[in-house]
C-alpha atoms as a PDB file:
ATOM      1  CA  UNK A   1     -69.974 -16.167 -53.443  1.00  0.00           C
ATOM      2  CA  UNK A   2     -69.096 -17.486 -50.400  1.00  0.00           C
ATOM      3  CA  UNK A   3     -65.514 -15.632 -49.848  1.00  0.00           C
ATOM      4  CA  UNK A   4     -67.456 -12.100 -51.025  1.00  0.00           C
ATOM      5  CA  UNK A   5     -70.400 -12.830 -48.178  1.00  0.00           C
ATOM      6  CA  UNK A   6     -67.135 -13.893 -45.671  1.00  0.00           C
ATOM      7  CA  UNK A   7     -65.569 -10.633 -46.345  1.00  0.00           C
ATOM      8  CA  UNK A   8     -67.888  -8.029 -44.284  1.00  0.00           C
ATOM      9  CA  UNK A   9     -67.499 -10.508 -41.203  1.00  0.00           C
ATOM     10  CA  UNK A  10     -63.755 -10.623 -41.284  1.00  0.00           C
ATOM     11  CA  UNK A  11     -63.882  -6.908 -41.573  1.00  0.00           C
ATOM     12  CA  UNK A  12     -65.726  -6.572 -38.600  1.00  0.00           C
ATOM     13  CA  UNK A  13     -63.196  -8.961 -36.902  1.00  0.00           C
ATOM     14  CA  UNK A  14     -60.496  -6.910 -37.559  1.00  0.00           C
ATOM     15  CA  UNK A  15     -62.529  -3.651 -36.735  1.00  0.00           C
ATOM     16  CA  UNK A  16     -63.464  -5.212 -33.446  1.00  0.00           C
ATOM     17  CA  UNK A  17     -59.789  -6.293 -32.658  1.00  0.00           C
ATOM     18  CA  UNK A  18     -58.473  -2.743 -33.483  1.00  0.00           C
ATOM     19  CA  UNK A  19     -60.954  -1.439 -30.825  1.00  0.00           C
ATOM     20  CA  UNK A  20     -60.622  -3.593 -28.477  1.00  0.00           C
ATOM     21  CA  UNK A  21     -56.684  -3.033 -28.537  1.00  0.00           C
ATOM     22  CA  UNK A  22     -56.657   0.508 -28.474  1.00  0.00           C
ATOM     23  CA  UNK A  23     -59.104   0.518 -25.161  1.00  0.00           C
ATOM     24  CA  UNK A  24     -56.744  -2.436 -23.556  1.00  0.00           C
ATOM     25  CA  UNK A  25     -54.052  -0.212 -24.578  1.00  0.00           C
ATOM     26  CA  UNK A  26     -55.944   2.977 -22.439  1.00  0.00           C
ATOM     27  CA  UNK A  27     -56.912   0.645 -19.590  1.00  0.00           C
ATOM     28  CA  UNK A  28     -53.217  -0.409 -19.419  1.00  0.00           C
ATOM     29  CA  UNK A  29     -52.134   3.304 -19.213  1.00  0.00           C
ATOM     30  CA  UNK A  30     -54.846   3.857 -16.466  1.00  0.00           C
ATOM     31  CA  UNK A  31     -53.239   0.857 -14.665  1.00  0.00           C
ATOM     32  CA  UNK A  32     -49.491   1.884 -15.003  1.00  0.00           C
ATOM     33  CA  UNK A  33     -50.596   5.511 -13.706  1.00  0.00           C
ATOM     34  CA  UNK A  34     -49.766   7.346 -16.643  1.00  0.00           C
ATOM     35  CA  UNK A  35     -53.318   8.733 -16.344  1.00  0.00           C
ATOM     36  CA  UNK A  36     -53.915   8.818 -12.560  1.00  0.00           C
ATOM     37  CA  UNK A  37     -53.252  11.682 -10.566  1.00  0.00           C
ATOM     38  CA  UNK A  38     -50.470  13.945 -11.948  1.00  0.00           C
ATOM     39  CA  UNK A  39     -47.701  15.341 -10.216  1.00  0.00           C
ATOM     40  CA  UNK A  40     -48.561  18.818  -8.699  1.00  0.00           C
ATOM     41  CA  UNK A  41     -48.574  21.581 -11.163  1.00  0.00           C
ATOM     42  CA  UNK A  42     -47.312  24.635  -8.549  1.00  0.00           C
ATOM     43  CA  UNK A  43     -43.440  24.104  -8.573  1.00  0.00           C
ATOM     44  CA  UNK A  44     -41.600  20.718  -7.809  1.00  0.00           C
ATOM     45  CA  UNK A  45     -41.684  18.388  -4.391  1.00  0.00           C
ATOM     46  CA  UNK A  46     -38.055  17.987  -3.282  1.00  0.00           C
ATOM     47  CA  UNK A  47     -37.084  15.788  -0.687  1.00  0.00           C
ATOM     48  CA  UNK A  48     -35.007  18.143   1.280  1.00  0.00           C
ATOM     49  CA  UNK A  49     -37.002  19.345   4.263  1.00  0.00           C
ATOM     50  CA  UNK A  50     -36.669  21.963   6.789  1.00  0.00           C
ATOM     51  CA  UNK A  51     -36.061  20.997  10.756  1.00  0.00           C
ATOM     52  CA  UNK A  52     -40.061  20.395  11.631  1.00  0.00           C
ATOM     53  CA  UNK A  53     -40.179  18.252   8.428  1.00  0.00           C
ATOM     54  CA  UNK A  54     -42.170  20.080   5.352  1.00  0.00           C
ATOM     55  CA  UNK A  55     -40.965  19.227   2.432  1.00  0.00           C
ATOM     56  CA  UNK A  56     -39.212  22.068  -0.056  1.00  0.00           C
ATOM     57  CA  UNK A  57     -41.450  22.813  -2.945  1.00  0.00           C
ATOM     58  CA  UNK A  58     -39.155  24.243  -5.745  1.00  0.00           C
ATOM     59  CA  UNK A  59     -39.843  26.871  -8.340  1.00  0.00           C
ATOM     60  CA  UNK A  60     -38.415  28.946 -10.677  1.00  0.00           C
ATOM     61  CA  UNK A  61     -36.485  32.169  -9.462  1.00  0.00           C
ATOM     62  CA  UNK A  62     -38.444  34.160 -11.787  1.00  0.00           C
ATOM     63  CA  UNK A  63     -41.442  35.343 -10.161  1.00  0.00           C
ATOM     64  CA  UNK A  64     -40.779  33.536  -7.264  1.00  0.00           C
ATOM     65  CA  UNK A  65     -41.879  34.910  -4.001  1.00  0.00           C
ATOM     66  CA  UNK A  66     -39.606  36.921  -1.769  1.00  0.00           C
ATOM     67  CA  UNK A  67     -39.780  38.076   1.816  1.00  0.00           C
ATOM     68  CA  UNK A  68     -38.010  40.833   3.586  1.00  0.00           C
ATOM     69  CA  UNK A  69     -38.024  41.094   7.684  1.00  0.00           C
ATOM     70  CA  UNK A  70     -37.796  44.411   9.712  1.00  0.00           C
ATOM     71  CA  UNK A  71     -37.672  44.254  13.838  1.00  0.00           C
ATOM     72  CA  UNK A  72     -37.818  47.352  15.924  1.00  0.00           C
ATOM     73  CA  UNK A  73     -37.687  47.414  19.514  1.00  0.00           C
ATOM     74  CA  UNK A  74     -41.313  47.990  21.327  1.00  0.00           C
ATOM     75  CA  UNK A  75     -40.706  50.699  23.721  1.00  0.00           C
ATOM     76  CA  UNK A  76     -43.927  49.706  25.353  1.00  0.00           C
ATOM     77  CA  UNK A  77     -43.282  46.359  26.578  1.00  0.00           C
ATOM     78  CA  UNK A  78     -39.646  44.903  26.284  1.00  0.00           C
ATOM     79  CA  UNK A  79     -40.908  42.807  23.158  1.00  0.00           C
ATOM     80  CA  UNK A  80     -40.295  43.332  19.465  1.00  0.00           C
ATOM     81  CA  UNK A  81     -42.103  45.022  16.636  1.00  0.00           C
ATOM     82  CA  UNK A  82     -41.597  42.866  13.490  1.00  0.00           C
ATOM     83  CA  UNK A  83     -42.857  43.975  10.037  1.00  0.00           C
ATOM     84  CA  UNK A  84     -42.543  41.906   6.727  1.00  0.00           C
ATOM     85  CA  UNK A  85     -42.493  42.863   3.099  1.00  0.00           C
ATOM     86  CA  UNK A  86     -43.400  40.386   0.537  1.00  0.00           C
ATOM     87  CA  UNK A  87     -42.676  40.192  -2.998  1.00  0.00           C
ATOM     88  CA  UNK A  88     -45.133  38.022  -5.465  1.00  0.00           C
ATOM     89  CA  UNK A  89     -47.103  36.543  -2.638  1.00  0.00           C
ATOM     90  CA  UNK A  90     -50.062  37.015  -0.785  1.00  0.00           C
ATOM     91  CA  UNK A  91     -51.194  35.628   2.833  1.00  0.00           C
ATOM     92  CA  UNK A  92     -53.943  33.289   2.389  1.00  0.00           C
ATOM     93  CA  UNK A  93     -57.150  33.519   4.578  1.00  0.00           C
ATOM     94  CA  UNK A  94     -57.600  31.038   7.560  1.00  0.00           C
ATOM     95  CA  UNK A  95     -59.600  27.946   6.450  1.00  0.00           C
ATOM     96  CA  UNK A  96     -58.593  27.727   3.391  1.00  0.00           C
ATOM     97  CA  UNK A  97     -58.134  24.552   1.406  1.00  0.00           C
ATOM     98  CA  UNK A  98     -54.754  23.049   2.465  1.00  0.00           C
ATOM     99  CA  UNK A  99     -53.336  23.205  -1.563  1.00  0.00           C
ATOM    100  CA  UNK A 100     -50.395  24.905  -2.682  1.00  0.00           C
ATOM    101  CA  UNK A 101     -51.533  27.810  -5.107  1.00  0.00           C
ATOM    102  CA  UNK A 102     -48.584  30.141  -6.633  1.00  0.00           C
ATOM    103  CA  UNK A 103     -47.397  32.867  -4.544  1.00  0.00           C
ATOM    104  CA  UNK A 104     -49.585  32.336  -1.461  1.00  0.00           C
ATOM    105  CA  UNK A 105     -49.463  30.533   1.908  1.00  0.00           C
ATOM    106  CA  UNK A 106     -48.074  31.514   5.057  1.00  0.00           C
ATOM    107  CA  UNK A 107     -44.827  33.017   7.042  1.00  0.00           C
ATOM    108  CA  UNK A 108     -43.853  31.454   9.859  1.00  0.00           C
ATOM    109  CA  UNK A 109     -41.123  32.917  12.482  1.00  0.00           C
ATOM    110  CA  UNK A 110     -38.766  31.269  14.053  1.00  0.00           C
ATOM    111  CA  UNK A 111     -36.154  32.328  16.750  1.00  0.00           C
ATOM    112  CA  UNK A 112     -32.865  30.354  16.813  1.00  0.00           C
ATOM    113  CA  UNK A 113     -34.551  28.280  14.506  1.00  0.00           C
ATOM    114  CA  UNK A 114     -37.270  27.238  17.336  1.00  0.00           C
ATOM    115  CA  UNK A 115     -40.803  27.849  15.471  1.00  0.00           C
ATOM    116  CA  UNK A 116     -42.390  30.489  17.317  1.00  0.00           C
ATOM    117  CA  UNK A 117     -45.645  32.125  15.143  1.00  0.00           C
ATOM    118  CA  UNK A 118     -47.587  31.422  12.079  1.00  0.00           C
ATOM    119  CA  UNK A 119     -48.417  34.592  10.295  1.00  0.00           C
ATOM    120  CA  UNK A 120     -51.422  35.853   8.055  1.00  0.00           C
ATOM    121  CA  UNK A 121     -50.559  39.574   7.894  1.00  0.00           C
ATOM    122  CA  UNK A 122     -47.326  41.563   7.535  1.00  0.00           C
ATOM    123  CA  UNK A 123     -46.795  43.145  11.233  1.00  0.00           C
ATOM    124  CA  UNK A 124     -46.234  41.153  14.324  1.00  0.00           C
ATOM    125  CA  UNK A 125     -45.235  41.719  17.882  1.00  0.00           C
ATOM    126  CA  UNK A 126     -42.489  39.345  19.145  1.00  0.00           C
ATOM    127  CA  UNK A 127     -42.780  38.857  23.277  1.00  0.00           C
ATOM    128  CA  UNK A 128     -39.582  39.665  25.164  1.00  0.00           C
ATOM    129  CA  UNK A 129     -39.667  35.914  26.505  1.00  0.00           C
ATOM    130  CA  UNK A 130     -38.781  34.542  23.196  1.00  0.00           C
ATOM    131  CA  UNK A 131     -35.987  37.270  23.069  1.00  0.00           C
ATOM    132  CA  UNK A 132     -33.449  36.683  26.424  1.00  0.00           C
ATOM    133  CA  UNK A 133     -30.464  38.147  27.015  1.00  0.00           C
ATOM    134  CA  UNK A 134     -27.938  38.363  23.758  1.00  0.00           C
ATOM    135  CA  UNK A 135     -28.201  37.792  20.239  1.00  0.00           C
ATOM    136  CA  UNK A 136     -30.626  35.855  18.496  1.00  0.00           C
ATOM    137  CA  UNK A 137     -31.337  35.044  14.744  1.00  0.00           C
ATOM    138  CA  UNK A 138     -35.231  35.794  13.928  1.00  0.00           C
ATOM    139  CA  UNK A 139     -35.994  34.157  10.332  1.00  0.00           C
ATOM    140  CA  UNK A 140     -39.587  34.674   8.277  1.00  0.00           C
ATOM    141  CA  UNK A 141     -39.910  31.696   6.073  1.00  0.00           C
ATOM    142  CA  UNK A 142     -42.776  31.441   3.499  1.00  0.00           C
ATOM    143  CA  UNK A 143     -44.818  28.098   3.217  1.00  0.00           C
ATOM    144  CA  UNK A 144     -47.763  27.267   0.934  1.00  0.00           C
ATOM    145  CA  UNK A 145     -50.993  26.336   2.168  1.00  0.00           C
ATOM    146  CA  UNK A 146     -50.190  22.747   2.053  1.00  0.00           C
ATOM    147  CA  UNK A 147     -47.772  23.081   4.450  1.00  0.00           C
ATOM    148  CA  UNK A 148     -44.737  22.704   2.117  1.00  0.00           C
ATOM    149  CA  UNK A 149     -41.368  25.388   2.264  1.00  0.00           C
ATOM    150  CA  UNK A 150     -41.514  27.855  -0.913  1.00  0.00           C
ATOM    151  CA  UNK A 151     -38.018  27.041  -2.139  1.00  0.00           C
ATOM    152  CA  UNK A 152     -35.608  28.939  -5.026  1.00  0.00           C
ATOM    153  CA  UNK A 153     -32.584  26.881  -5.956  1.00  0.00           C
ATOM    154  CA  UNK A 154     -33.010  24.598  -3.079  1.00  0.00           C
ATOM    155  CA  UNK A 155     -32.701  27.119  -0.875  1.00  0.00           C
ATOM    156  CA  UNK A 156     -36.019  28.090   1.301  1.00  0.00           C
ATOM    157  CA  UNK A 157     -37.762  31.509   0.783  1.00  0.00           C
ATOM    158  CA  UNK A 158     -37.136  32.968   4.138  1.00  0.00           C
ATOM    159  CA  UNK A 159     -35.065  36.077   5.468  1.00  0.00           C
ATOM    160  CA  UNK A 160     -32.943  36.323   8.323  1.00  0.00           C
ATOM    161  CA  UNK A 161     -32.190  39.572  10.500  1.00  0.00           C
ATOM    162  CA  UNK A 162     -30.052  39.259  13.593  1.00  0.00           C
ATOM    163  CA  UNK A 163     -31.516  41.146  17.041  1.00  0.00           C
ATOM    164  CA  UNK A 164     -29.809  41.728  20.468  1.00  0.00           C
ATOM    165  CA  UNK A 165     -31.797  42.148  23.954  1.00  0.00           C
ATOM    166  CA  UNK A 166     -28.901  43.587  26.270  1.00  0.00           C
ATOM    167  CA  UNK A 167     -30.447  43.482  30.162  1.00  0.00           C
ATOM    168  CA  UNK A 168     -33.804  43.077  31.224  1.00  0.00           C
ATOM    169  CA  UNK A 169     -34.755  45.711  29.236  1.00  0.00           C
ATOM    170  CA  UNK A 170     -34.853  43.880  26.147  1.00  0.00           C
ATOM    171  CA  UNK A 171     -33.731  47.063  24.173  1.00  0.00           C
ATOM    172  CA  UNK A 172     -32.479  46.629  20.458  1.00  0.00           C
ATOM    173  CA  UNK A 173     -29.423  47.152  18.958  1.00  0.00           C
ATOM    174  CA  UNK A 174     -27.384  50.695  18.721  1.00  0.00           C
ATOM    175  CA  UNK A 175     -29.046  51.468  15.474  1.00  0.00           C
ATOM    176  CA  UNK A 176     -32.485  50.746  16.728  1.00  0.00           C
ATOM    177  CA  UNK A 177     -34.010  48.587  13.948  1.00  0.00           C
ATOM    178  CA  UNK A 178     -32.860  46.062  11.517  1.00  0.00           C
ATOM    179  CA  UNK A 179     -33.908  45.032   7.997  1.00  0.00           C
ATOM    180  CA  UNK A 180     -33.408  42.746   5.101  1.00  0.00           C
ATOM    181  CA  UNK A 181     -34.954  43.571   1.810  1.00  0.00           C
ATOM    182  CA  UNK A 182     -37.292  41.160   0.144  1.00  0.00           C
ATOM    183  CA  UNK A 183     -35.226  41.147  -2.842  1.00  0.00           C
ATOM    184  CA  UNK A 184     -33.976  38.126  -3.808  1.00  0.00           C
ATOM    185  CA  UNK A 185     -36.219  35.808  -2.689  1.00  0.00           C
ATOM    186  CA  UNK A 186     -33.972  33.583  -0.607  1.00  0.00           C
ATOM    187  CA  UNK A 187     -31.281  33.534   2.093  1.00  0.00           C
ATOM    188  CA  UNK A 188     -27.659  32.623   1.564  1.00  0.00           C
ATOM    189  CA  UNK A 189     -26.981  32.542   5.470  1.00  0.00           C
ATOM    190  CA  UNK A 190     -28.145  35.273   7.866  1.00  0.00           C
ATOM    191  CA  UNK A 191     -29.486  37.990   5.777  1.00  0.00           C
ATOM    192  CA  UNK A 192     -30.984  38.563   1.844  1.00  0.00           C
ATOM    193  CA  UNK A 193     -28.170  38.485   0.045  1.00  0.00           C
ATOM    194  CA  UNK A 194     -27.556  41.112  -2.801  1.00  0.00           C
ATOM    195  CA  UNK A 195     -26.858  40.663  -6.526  1.00  0.00           C
ATOM    196  CA  UNK A 196     -23.347  40.245  -5.603  1.00  0.00           C
ATOM    197  CA  UNK A 197     -24.198  37.697  -3.028  1.00  0.00           C
ATOM    198  CA  UNK A 198     -23.526  40.097   0.249  1.00  0.00           C
ATOM    199  CA  UNK A 199     -25.489  40.288   3.073  1.00  0.00           C
ATOM    200  CA  UNK A 200     -27.635  43.371   3.640  1.00  0.00           C
END
């Protein structure tokens, strides 16, 4: 009889031990960070950074954003008309959350590696003072709203065109306009390479 009365108590203790150990396992997982903040759902942050210290955010080439750049001399003030062409990318509105969202963000312009503008539009007037006499490299690079650089295969999603200012008039090169297509989404040098790897 006493054995029969003790059986429910023993079973209750076993249930408590099992429940307690499961609870401890959950708490342990939280302490180990298994259920804490998850890695970013958009791409993968790399250790590599641009010259300004912004980390690269790696995404797959399929569906990755792309950018092209076209530059023409402005006849009226000696400046330059810059037009960007975008693929799988939209500019974010000012004042939004500083969070990386697939295919969204801003473009930044660089002349010879120096930042000159942060863009939320595809058209921009580059002042002549940024392009003194000689040949210069104008680069447009795509950034997520958290300040990271969109990248594919460890390379930033950017496009570069050479522009030449001759004399005080800041006139363009002989062909008048320079452009780099929006595909593929990264560059291997001075211009976006085509599928064969040649600069266009």
